[in-house]
Protein backbone atom coordinates (compact mmCIF):
# COMPACT_ATOMS: atom_id res chain seq x y z
CA UNK A 1 7.85 -4.96 -23.61
CA UNK A 2 9.80 -5.51 -20.54
CA UNK A 3 8.29 -2.56 -19.07
CA UNK A 4 4.93 -3.72 -19.29
CA UNK A 5 5.62 -7.15 -18.06
CA UNK A 6 7.41 -5.37 -15.19
CA UNK A 7 4.28 -3.14 -14.53
CA UNK A 8 1.83 -6.21 -14.78
CA UNK A 9 4.04 -8.37 -12.20
CA UNK A 10 4.23 -5.25 -9.83
CA UNK A 11 0.34 -4.77 -10.34
CA UNK A 12 -0.13 -8.39 -9.47
CA UNK A 13 1.14 -7.95 -6.17
CA UNK A 14 -0.77 -4.67 -5.22
CA UNK A 15 -3.80 -5.14 -3.12
CA UNK A 16 -7.38 -3.36 -3.41
CA UNK A 17 -9.10 -2.20 -0.23
CA UNK A 18 -11.67 -5.15 -1.03
CA UNK A 19 -8.54 -7.69 -1.11
CA UNK A 20 -7.08 -6.09 2.41
CA UNK A 21 -10.65 -6.05 3.77
CA UNK A 22 -10.95 -9.75 2.87
CA UNK A 23 -7.53 -10.66 4.26
CA UNK A 24 -8.65 -9.12 7.50
CA UNK A 25 -12.50 -10.16 7.65
CA UNK A 26 -13.68 -6.76 7.67
CA UNK A 27 -15.38 -4.06 5.57
CA UNK A 28 -13.78 -1.65 3.07
CA UNK A 29 -14.61 1.41 5.34
CA UNK A 30 -12.99 -0.30 8.60
CA UNK A 31 -9.34 -0.75 6.29
CA UNK A 32 -10.05 3.33 5.44
CA UNK A 33 -10.38 3.67 8.72
CA UNK A 34 -7.41 1.87 10.34
CA UNK A 35 -5.44 3.49 7.84
CA UNK A 36 -6.55 6.98 8.83
CA UNK A 37 -5.91 6.36 11.80
CA UNK A 38 -2.56 5.23 11.81
CA UNK A 39 -3.19 1.42 12.92
CA UNK A 40 -2.23 -0.21 9.65
CA UNK A 41 0.20 0.38 7.17
CA UNK A 42 -0.61 3.53 4.37
CA UNK A 43 -1.31 2.44 1.01
CA UNK A 44 0.29 3.65 -2.20
CA UNK A 45 -1.47 5.84 -4.52
CA UNK A 46 -1.27 5.46 -8.26
CA UNK A 47 -3.13 8.40 -9.63
CA UNK A 48 -6.66 7.63 -8.30
CA UNK A 49 -6.08 4.42 -7.48
CA UNK A 50 -5.20 3.35 -3.89
CA UNK A 51 -3.24 -0.03 -3.54
CA UNK A 52 -1.45 -1.70 -0.58
CA UNK A 53 1.61 -3.93 -1.41
CA UNK A 54 0.62 -7.22 -0.66
CA UNK A 55 3.90 -8.24 0.89
CA UNK A 56 3.74 -5.19 2.98
CA UNK A 57 0.18 -6.47 4.45
CA UNK A 58 1.34 -10.03 4.88
CA UNK A 59 4.27 -9.30 6.47
CA UNK A 60 1.85 -6.79 8.65
CA UNK A 61 -0.56 -9.69 9.64
CA UNK A 62 2.52 -12.26 10.61
CA UNK A 63 3.36 -9.42 12.82
CA UNK A 64 0.72 -9.21 14.78
CA UNK A 65 -1.09 -6.19 13.21
CA UNK A 66 0.79 -3.80 15.19
CA UNK A 67 -0.10 0.03 15.29
CA UNK A 68 1.87 1.65 12.55
CA UNK A 69 1.56 5.05 14.08
CA UNK A 70 4.95 6.42 15.50
CA UNK A 71 4.65 9.83 17.85
CA UNK A 72 1.87 11.64 18.45
CA UNK A 73 -1.42 12.77 17.40
CA UNK A 74 -1.63 13.76 13.36
């Protein structure tokens, strides 16, 4: 049962693409474009689900939304 509560608590700190889009005041498609271009943190894939850790997104926004890409082109 402890595992269930940990899983539930962890899931509560994960954001959907729509949550992130709302935080950034943009569309879900823009969130995917920013992610694909390396301009924002990569999501965590949970099976077929795509989620962003809330703390990571909040820190990224607080830091002024810096580009995440390091190095050259993909």
